[in-house]
């Protein structure tokens, strides 16, 4: 090609936004949506990790917010990885999502807290932000290198 470099624009992001029931039935629905979204676009993010962390976010939203507000799942496939957000109507931030616990481990005798530790440990980044109707809790996973 006579020495000219051809640069293609990065692939545009693709996103899905789905309202979920405020029950534990939302967890397998959310897992299936994330797996389908990643598989449909032959995305390079780790599907198993994305499913696990999505299940944790949705389970937390169901357990720690009142059943009156909606839960919404947003999956964004980006050229560099994926971002998953769970929106709920409670403006209260999740506990210890971005703050390390002492020694990095939850108390093994406590019933709660392991899900947020998983999210902090397995994602490339995570956090929360206020929304007009409550908050969004999110994580990002990088894309994996595919064998050539």
N, C-alpha and C. Protein backbone atom coordinates (compact mmCIF):
# COMPACT_ATOMS: atom_id res chain seq x y z
N UNK A 1 0.84 -1.20 0.00
CA UNK A 1 0.00 0.00 0.00
C UNK A 1 0.87 1.25 0.00
N UNK A 2 1.82 1.36 -0.83
CA UNK A 2 2.72 2.48 -1.04
C UNK A 2 3.08 3.29 0.21
N UNK A 3 3.33 2.61 1.32
CA UNK A 3 3.86 3.23 2.52
C UNK A 3 2.88 4.04 3.34
N UNK A 4 1.62 4.13 2.97
CA UNK A 4 0.66 4.90 3.75
C UNK A 4 0.01 4.00 4.79
N UNK A 5 -0.08 4.52 5.99
CA UNK A 5 -0.76 3.78 7.05
C UNK A 5 -2.25 4.06 6.95
N UNK A 6 -3.03 3.03 7.08
CA UNK A 6 -4.48 3.17 7.06
C UNK A 6 -4.97 3.06 8.49
N UNK A 7 -5.67 4.08 8.94
CA UNK A 7 -6.22 4.08 10.30
C UNK A 7 -7.73 4.02 10.21
N UNK A 8 -8.27 3.01 10.84
CA UNK A 8 -9.72 2.91 10.88
C UNK A 8 -10.19 3.53 12.18
N UNK A 9 -11.32 4.21 12.17
CA UNK A 9 -11.83 4.77 13.43
C UNK A 9 -12.17 3.63 14.38
N UNK A 10 -12.00 3.86 15.69
CA UNK A 10 -12.34 2.81 16.63
C UNK A 10 -13.81 2.45 16.53
N UNK A 11 -14.10 1.19 16.79
CA UNK A 11 -15.48 0.72 16.73
C UNK A 11 -16.33 1.51 17.73
N UNK A 12 -17.50 1.88 17.32
CA UNK A 12 -18.40 2.61 18.20
C UNK A 12 -18.88 1.69 19.31
N UNK A 13 -19.21 2.30 20.42
CA UNK A 13 -19.72 1.47 21.52
C UNK A 13 -21.15 1.06 21.21
N UNK A 14 -21.53 -0.05 21.78
CA UNK A 14 -22.88 -0.58 21.65
C UNK A 14 -23.42 -0.70 23.07
N UNK A 15 -24.68 -0.39 23.28
CA UNK A 15 -25.20 -0.49 24.64
C UNK A 15 -26.61 -1.06 24.65
N UNK A 16 -26.92 -1.66 25.77
CA UNK A 16 -28.25 -2.21 26.05
C UNK A 16 -28.70 -1.61 27.37
N UNK A 17 -29.98 -1.32 27.49
CA UNK A 17 -30.57 -0.79 28.72
C UNK A 17 -31.86 -1.58 28.95
N UNK A 18 -31.95 -2.25 30.09
CA UNK A 18 -33.09 -3.13 30.36
C UNK A 18 -33.61 -2.90 31.77
N UNK A 19 -34.92 -2.72 31.90
CA UNK A 19 -35.55 -2.64 33.21
C UNK A 19 -35.67 -4.05 33.77
N UNK A 20 -35.37 -4.20 35.04
CA UNK A 20 -35.41 -5.51 35.70
C UNK A 20 -36.44 -5.50 36.83
N UNK A 21 -37.02 -6.66 37.12
CA UNK A 21 -37.93 -6.73 38.27
C UNK A 21 -37.14 -6.55 39.56
N UNK A 22 -37.79 -5.98 40.56
CA UNK A 22 -37.13 -5.77 41.85
C UNK A 22 -37.29 -7.04 42.70
N UNK A 23 -36.84 -8.17 42.14
CA UNK A 23 -36.88 -9.46 42.84
C UNK A 23 -35.59 -10.21 42.51
N UNK A 24 -35.38 -11.31 43.20
CA UNK A 24 -34.18 -12.11 42.92
C UNK A 24 -34.22 -12.71 41.52
N UNK A 25 -35.38 -12.74 40.88
CA UNK A 25 -35.47 -13.23 39.50
C UNK A 25 -34.67 -12.34 38.55
N UNK A 26 -34.35 -11.12 38.96
CA UNK A 26 -33.57 -10.20 38.12
C UNK A 26 -32.13 -10.69 37.94
N UNK A 27 -31.60 -11.44 38.89
CA UNK A 27 -30.19 -11.85 38.83
C UNK A 27 -29.91 -12.75 37.62
N UNK A 28 -30.63 -13.86 37.43
CA UNK A 28 -30.33 -14.68 36.25
C UNK A 28 -30.66 -13.97 34.92
N UNK A 29 -31.64 -13.09 34.93
CA UNK A 29 -31.97 -12.33 33.73
C UNK A 29 -30.80 -11.42 33.36
N UNK A 30 -30.24 -10.75 34.36
CA UNK A 30 -29.10 -9.85 34.12
C UNK A 30 -27.88 -10.62 33.64
N UNK A 31 -27.62 -11.77 34.26
CA UNK A 31 -26.49 -12.60 33.83
C UNK A 31 -26.64 -13.02 32.37
N UNK A 32 -27.84 -13.45 32.01
CA UNK A 32 -28.09 -13.89 30.64
C UNK A 32 -27.93 -12.74 29.65
N UNK A 33 -28.39 -11.54 30.03
CA UNK A 33 -28.26 -10.40 29.13
C UNK A 33 -26.79 -10.06 28.89
N UNK A 34 -25.98 -10.06 29.95
CA UNK A 34 -24.56 -9.74 29.79
C UNK A 34 -23.88 -10.79 28.91
N UNK A 35 -24.15 -12.06 29.18
CA UNK A 35 -23.53 -13.12 28.37
C UNK A 35 -23.94 -12.99 26.90
N UNK A 36 -25.23 -12.74 26.66
CA UNK A 36 -25.72 -12.61 25.29
C UNK A 36 -25.10 -11.39 24.60
N UNK A 37 -25.03 -10.27 25.31
CA UNK A 37 -24.45 -9.06 24.72
C UNK A 37 -23.00 -9.29 24.32
N UNK A 38 -22.22 -9.91 25.19
CA UNK A 38 -20.81 -10.16 24.88
C UNK A 38 -20.66 -11.18 23.75
N UNK A 39 -21.48 -12.21 23.77
CA UNK A 39 -21.39 -13.24 22.73
C UNK A 39 -21.88 -12.71 21.38
N UNK A 40 -22.95 -11.93 21.39
CA UNK A 40 -23.54 -11.43 20.15
C UNK A 40 -22.55 -10.57 19.38
N UNK A 41 -21.76 -9.82 20.08
CA UNK A 41 -20.78 -8.94 19.43
C UNK A 41 -19.39 -9.58 19.40
N UNK A 42 -19.30 -10.85 19.80
CA UNK A 42 -18.02 -11.55 19.84
C UNK A 42 -16.99 -10.68 20.57
N UNK A 43 -17.41 -10.17 21.71
CA UNK A 43 -16.60 -9.22 22.46
C UNK A 43 -15.50 -9.93 23.23
N UNK A 44 -14.41 -9.22 23.47
CA UNK A 44 -13.23 -9.84 24.08
C UNK A 44 -13.22 -9.77 25.60
N UNK A 45 -14.17 -9.10 26.24
CA UNK A 45 -14.19 -9.06 27.71
C UNK A 45 -14.52 -10.44 28.25
N UNK A 46 -14.03 -10.73 29.44
CA UNK A 46 -14.24 -12.04 30.06
C UNK A 46 -15.71 -12.21 30.47
N UNK A 47 -16.39 -13.09 29.77
CA UNK A 47 -17.82 -13.31 29.97
C UNK A 47 -18.16 -13.80 31.37
N UNK A 48 -17.38 -14.76 31.86
CA UNK A 48 -17.67 -15.32 33.19
C UNK A 48 -17.54 -14.28 34.28
N UNK A 49 -16.50 -13.47 34.20
CA UNK A 49 -16.31 -12.41 35.20
C UNK A 49 -17.40 -11.36 35.08
N UNK A 50 -17.75 -10.99 33.85
CA UNK A 50 -18.82 -10.02 33.64
C UNK A 50 -20.14 -10.52 34.24
N UNK A 51 -20.44 -11.79 34.02
CA UNK A 51 -21.67 -12.36 34.59
C UNK A 51 -21.65 -12.35 36.12
N UNK A 52 -20.54 -12.78 36.69
CA UNK A 52 -20.42 -12.84 38.16
C UNK A 52 -20.59 -11.46 38.78
N UNK A 53 -19.88 -10.47 38.26
CA UNK A 53 -19.95 -9.13 38.84
C UNK A 53 -21.31 -8.48 38.61
N UNK A 54 -21.92 -8.74 37.48
CA UNK A 54 -23.27 -8.24 37.22
C UNK A 54 -24.25 -8.84 38.22
N UNK A 55 -24.14 -10.13 38.46
CA UNK A 55 -25.01 -10.79 39.43
C UNK A 55 -24.86 -10.15 40.81
N UNK A 56 -23.63 -9.82 41.19
CA UNK A 56 -23.39 -9.18 42.49
C UNK A 56 -24.06 -7.81 42.56
N UNK A 57 -23.90 -7.00 41.51
CA UNK A 57 -24.50 -5.67 41.51
C UNK A 57 -26.02 -5.75 41.58
N UNK A 58 -26.62 -6.63 40.78
CA UNK A 58 -28.08 -6.74 40.76
C UNK A 58 -28.59 -7.29 42.09
N UNK A 59 -27.94 -8.30 42.62
CA UNK A 59 -28.35 -8.86 43.92
C UNK A 59 -28.28 -7.80 45.01
N UNK A 60 -27.23 -6.98 44.99
CA UNK A 60 -27.13 -5.90 45.98
C UNK A 60 -28.26 -4.89 45.82
N UNK A 61 -28.59 -4.54 44.58
CA UNK A 61 -29.68 -3.59 44.35
C UNK A 61 -31.00 -4.14 44.85
N UNK A 62 -31.24 -5.42 44.62
CA UNK A 62 -32.49 -6.05 45.08
C UNK A 62 -32.52 -6.10 46.61
N UNK A 63 -31.41 -6.50 47.20
CA UNK A 63 -31.37 -6.70 48.66
C UNK A 63 -31.35 -5.40 49.45
N UNK A 64 -30.65 -4.40 48.94
CA UNK A 64 -30.40 -3.21 49.76
C UNK A 64 -31.21 -1.98 49.38
N UNK A 65 -32.16 -2.12 48.47
CA UNK A 65 -33.03 -0.99 48.12
C UNK A 65 -34.48 -1.41 48.29
N UNK A 66 -35.33 -0.41 48.44
CA UNK A 66 -36.75 -0.74 48.62
C UNK A 66 -37.32 -1.26 47.31
N UNK A 67 -38.32 -2.06 47.42
CA UNK A 67 -38.93 -2.69 46.24
C UNK A 67 -39.80 -1.77 45.42
N UNK A 68 -39.88 -0.49 45.80
CA UNK A 68 -40.78 0.40 45.07
C UNK A 68 -40.15 1.01 43.83
N UNK A 69 -38.84 1.17 43.83
CA UNK A 69 -38.19 1.80 42.68
C UNK A 69 -37.69 0.78 41.69
N UNK A 70 -37.51 1.21 40.46
CA UNK A 70 -37.04 0.28 39.42
C UNK A 70 -35.55 -0.02 39.54
N UNK A 71 -35.15 -1.13 38.96
CA UNK A 71 -33.74 -1.48 38.80
C UNK A 71 -33.51 -1.53 37.29
N UNK A 72 -32.42 -0.97 36.86
CA UNK A 72 -32.13 -0.95 35.44
C UNK A 72 -30.70 -1.42 35.22
N UNK A 73 -30.52 -2.26 34.22
CA UNK A 73 -29.20 -2.76 33.85
C UNK A 73 -28.77 -2.08 32.57
N UNK A 74 -27.55 -1.55 32.55
CA UNK A 74 -26.99 -0.92 31.36
C UNK A 74 -25.68 -1.63 31.06
N UNK A 75 -25.57 -2.17 29.85
CA UNK A 75 -24.35 -2.85 29.41
C UNK A 75 -23.80 -2.07 28.23
N UNK A 76 -22.56 -1.62 28.36
CA UNK A 76 -21.90 -0.89 27.27
C UNK A 76 -20.68 -1.68 26.82
N UNK A 77 -20.66 -2.02 25.54
CA UNK A 77 -19.50 -2.67 24.96
C UNK A 77 -18.67 -1.60 24.29
N UNK A 78 -17.46 -1.46 24.75
CA UNK A 78 -16.56 -0.42 24.28
C UNK A 78 -15.41 -1.06 23.52
N UNK A 79 -14.72 -0.32 22.69
CA UNK A 79 -13.58 -0.90 21.98
C UNK A 79 -12.50 -1.44 22.92
N UNK A 80 -12.42 -0.87 24.12
CA UNK A 80 -11.37 -1.28 25.07
C UNK A 80 -11.87 -2.23 26.15
N UNK A 81 -13.12 -2.63 26.14
CA UNK A 81 -13.66 -3.51 27.17
C UNK A 81 -15.16 -3.34 27.29
N UNK A 82 -15.67 -3.53 28.49
CA UNK A 82 -17.10 -3.34 28.70
C UNK A 82 -17.33 -2.64 30.03
N UNK A 83 -18.47 -1.97 30.13
CA UNK A 83 -18.90 -1.35 31.38
C UNK A 83 -20.32 -1.81 31.65
N UNK A 84 -20.56 -2.20 32.90
CA UNK A 84 -21.89 -2.62 33.32
C UNK A 84 -22.31 -1.70 34.47
N UNK A 85 -23.53 -1.18 34.38
CA UNK A 85 -24.09 -0.33 35.43
C UNK A 85 -25.40 -0.92 35.89
N UNK A 86 -25.67 -0.77 37.18
CA UNK A 86 -26.98 -1.11 37.72
C UNK A 86 -27.51 0.15 38.39
N UNK A 87 -28.68 0.61 37.92
CA UNK A 87 -29.31 1.81 38.45
C UNK A 87 -30.41 1.39 39.41
N UNK A 88 -30.51 2.10 40.53
CA UNK A 88 -31.62 1.87 41.45
C UNK A 88 -32.08 3.20 42.02
N UNK A 89 -33.18 3.19 42.74
CA UNK A 89 -33.81 4.42 43.22
C UNK A 89 -33.24 4.91 44.55
N UNK A 90 -32.35 4.18 45.17
CA UNK A 90 -31.79 4.58 46.45
C UNK A 90 -30.55 5.45 46.21
N UNK A 91 -30.54 6.71 46.69
CA UNK A 91 -29.39 7.57 46.46
C UNK A 91 -28.19 7.22 47.35
N UNK A 92 -28.39 6.39 48.36
CA UNK A 92 -27.31 6.04 49.29
C UNK A 92 -26.23 5.23 48.58
N UNK A 93 -24.95 5.68 48.68
CA UNK A 93 -23.87 4.94 48.01
C UNK A 93 -23.66 3.55 48.62
N UNK A 94 -23.17 2.61 47.83
CA UNK A 94 -22.89 1.28 48.37
C UNK A 94 -21.70 1.36 49.32
N UNK A 95 -21.68 0.53 50.34
CA UNK A 95 -20.58 0.55 51.28
C UNK A 95 -19.32 -0.09 50.72
N UNK A 96 -18.19 0.56 50.94
CA UNK A 96 -16.87 -0.01 50.65
C UNK A 96 -16.66 -0.48 49.21
N UNK A 97 -17.28 0.18 48.24
CA UNK A 97 -17.06 -0.25 46.86
C UNK A 97 -15.68 0.17 46.36
N UNK A 98 -15.26 1.36 46.72
CA UNK A 98 -13.98 1.84 46.22
C UNK A 98 -12.91 1.90 47.30
N UNK A 99 -13.27 1.60 48.53
CA UNK A 99 -12.33 1.66 49.64
C UNK A 99 -11.88 0.26 50.02
N UNK A 100 -10.58 -0.01 50.09
CA UNK A 100 -10.13 -1.34 50.50
C UNK A 100 -10.49 -1.61 51.96
N UNK A 101 -10.82 -2.83 52.26
CA UNK A 101 -11.08 -3.22 53.64
C UNK A 101 -9.74 -3.54 54.30
N UNK A 102 -9.67 -3.56 55.64
CA UNK A 102 -8.41 -3.92 56.29
C UNK A 102 -7.93 -5.27 55.78
N UNK A 103 -6.69 -5.34 55.40
CA UNK A 103 -6.06 -6.54 54.87
C UNK A 103 -6.68 -6.98 53.54
N UNK A 104 -7.60 -6.17 52.99
CA UNK A 104 -8.19 -6.49 51.70
C UNK A 104 -9.21 -7.61 51.74
N UNK A 105 -9.56 -8.09 52.91
CA UNK A 105 -10.48 -9.23 53.01
C UNK A 105 -11.64 -8.90 53.93
N UNK A 106 -12.84 -9.34 53.59
CA UNK A 106 -13.96 -9.17 54.51
C UNK A 106 -13.86 -10.18 55.64
N UNK A 107 -14.54 -9.90 56.71
CA UNK A 107 -14.60 -10.84 57.82
C UNK A 107 -15.33 -12.09 57.32
N UNK A 108 -14.67 -13.28 57.39
CA UNK A 108 -15.31 -14.49 56.85
C UNK A 108 -16.59 -14.88 57.57
N UNK A 109 -16.82 -14.34 58.76
CA UNK A 109 -18.02 -14.68 59.51
C UNK A 109 -19.16 -13.73 59.21
N UNK A 110 -18.87 -12.64 58.50
CA UNK A 110 -19.93 -11.71 58.13
C UNK A 110 -20.67 -12.24 56.92
N UNK A 111 -21.96 -11.97 56.90
CA UNK A 111 -22.78 -12.45 55.80
C UNK A 111 -22.68 -11.56 54.57
N UNK A 112 -22.31 -10.29 54.74
CA UNK A 112 -22.32 -9.33 53.64
C UNK A 112 -20.92 -8.78 53.38
N UNK A 113 -20.72 -8.21 52.21
CA UNK A 113 -19.47 -7.53 51.90
C UNK A 113 -18.58 -8.24 50.90
N UNK A 114 -18.79 -9.53 50.70
CA UNK A 114 -17.93 -10.27 49.77
C UNK A 114 -18.17 -9.87 48.32
N UNK A 115 -19.40 -9.53 47.97
CA UNK A 115 -19.72 -9.15 46.59
C UNK A 115 -18.97 -7.89 46.17
N UNK A 116 -18.93 -6.89 47.06
CA UNK A 116 -18.21 -5.67 46.72
C UNK A 116 -16.71 -5.93 46.63
N UNK A 117 -16.20 -6.83 47.46
CA UNK A 117 -14.79 -7.20 47.37
C UNK A 117 -14.50 -7.85 46.02
N UNK A 118 -15.38 -8.72 45.57
CA UNK A 118 -15.22 -9.34 44.25
C UNK A 118 -15.20 -8.28 43.15
N UNK A 119 -16.10 -7.34 43.24
CA UNK A 119 -16.17 -6.29 42.22
C UNK A 119 -14.88 -5.47 42.22
N UNK A 120 -14.42 -5.07 43.41
CA UNK A 120 -13.17 -4.30 43.49
C UNK A 120 -11.98 -5.09 42.96
N UNK A 121 -11.94 -6.38 43.27
CA UNK A 121 -10.78 -7.21 42.94
C UNK A 121 -10.74 -7.61 41.47
N UNK A 122 -11.88 -7.97 40.90
CA UNK A 122 -11.91 -8.55 39.56
C UNK A 122 -12.13 -7.54 38.43
N UNK A 123 -12.58 -6.34 38.76
CA UNK A 123 -12.81 -5.35 37.71
C UNK A 123 -11.57 -4.48 37.54
N UNK A 124 -11.47 -3.83 36.37
CA UNK A 124 -10.36 -2.90 36.17
C UNK A 124 -10.64 -1.58 36.87
N UNK A 125 -11.91 -1.24 37.05
CA UNK A 125 -12.31 -0.08 37.83
C UNK A 125 -13.78 -0.25 38.19
N UNK A 126 -14.19 0.46 39.23
CA UNK A 126 -15.58 0.39 39.67
C UNK A 126 -15.91 1.65 40.46
N UNK A 127 -17.18 1.88 40.65
CA UNK A 127 -17.59 3.04 41.42
C UNK A 127 -19.08 3.22 41.41
N UNK A 128 -19.50 4.40 41.81
CA UNK A 128 -20.92 4.74 41.80
C UNK A 128 -21.04 6.22 41.52
N UNK A 129 -22.22 6.61 41.06
CA UNK A 129 -22.48 8.02 40.79
C UNK A 129 -23.96 8.27 41.03
N UNK A 130 -24.29 9.49 41.45
CA UNK A 130 -25.70 9.82 41.61
C UNK A 130 -26.38 9.95 40.25
N UNK A 131 -27.66 9.64 40.22
CA UNK A 131 -28.48 9.84 39.03
C UNK A 131 -29.68 10.68 39.44
N UNK A 132 -30.48 11.08 38.48
CA UNK A 132 -31.68 11.87 38.79
C UNK A 132 -32.64 11.11 39.68
N UNK A 133 -32.65 9.77 39.55
CA UNK A 133 -33.63 8.99 40.30
C UNK A 133 -33.01 8.11 41.38
N UNK A 134 -31.73 8.27 41.68
CA UNK A 134 -31.08 7.45 42.71
C UNK A 134 -29.59 7.38 42.49
N UNK A 135 -29.09 6.20 42.11
CA UNK A 135 -27.66 6.04 41.85
C UNK A 135 -27.43 4.97 40.80
N UNK A 136 -26.22 4.98 40.26
CA UNK A 136 -25.75 3.93 39.35
C UNK A 136 -24.47 3.38 39.97
N UNK A 137 -24.37 2.07 40.07
CA UNK A 137 -23.16 1.40 40.55
C UNK A 137 -22.60 0.67 39.33
N UNK A 138 -21.29 0.77 39.10
CA UNK A 138 -20.74 0.27 37.85
C UNK A 138 -19.39 -0.41 38.06
N UNK A 139 -19.03 -1.21 37.05
CA UNK A 139 -17.68 -1.77 36.97
C UNK A 139 -17.28 -1.82 35.50
N UNK A 140 -15.98 -1.87 35.28
CA UNK A 140 -15.43 -2.01 33.93
C UNK A 140 -14.53 -3.23 33.89
N UNK A 141 -14.55 -3.91 32.76
CA UNK A 141 -13.63 -5.01 32.48
C UNK A 141 -12.89 -4.69 31.19
N UNK A 142 -11.60 -4.96 31.17
CA UNK A 142 -10.86 -4.73 29.93
C UNK A 142 -11.14 -5.84 28.93
N UNK A 143 -10.90 -5.54 27.67
CA UNK A 143 -10.95 -6.58 26.65
C UNK A 143 -9.71 -7.45 26.80
N UNK A 144 -9.82 -8.71 26.43
CA UNK A 144 -8.66 -9.62 26.48
C UNK A 144 -8.06 -9.71 25.10
N UNK A 145 -6.78 -9.93 25.07
CA UNK A 145 -6.12 -10.15 23.78
C UNK A 145 -6.58 -11.48 23.22
N UNK A 146 -6.92 -11.45 21.98
CA UNK A 146 -7.33 -12.69 21.31
C UNK A 146 -6.12 -13.30 20.62
N UNK A 147 -6.04 -14.63 20.60
CA UNK A 147 -4.95 -15.27 19.88
C UNK A 147 -5.00 -14.93 18.40
N UNK A 148 -3.85 -14.76 17.80
CA UNK A 148 -3.79 -14.37 16.40
C UNK A 148 -3.82 -15.58 15.50
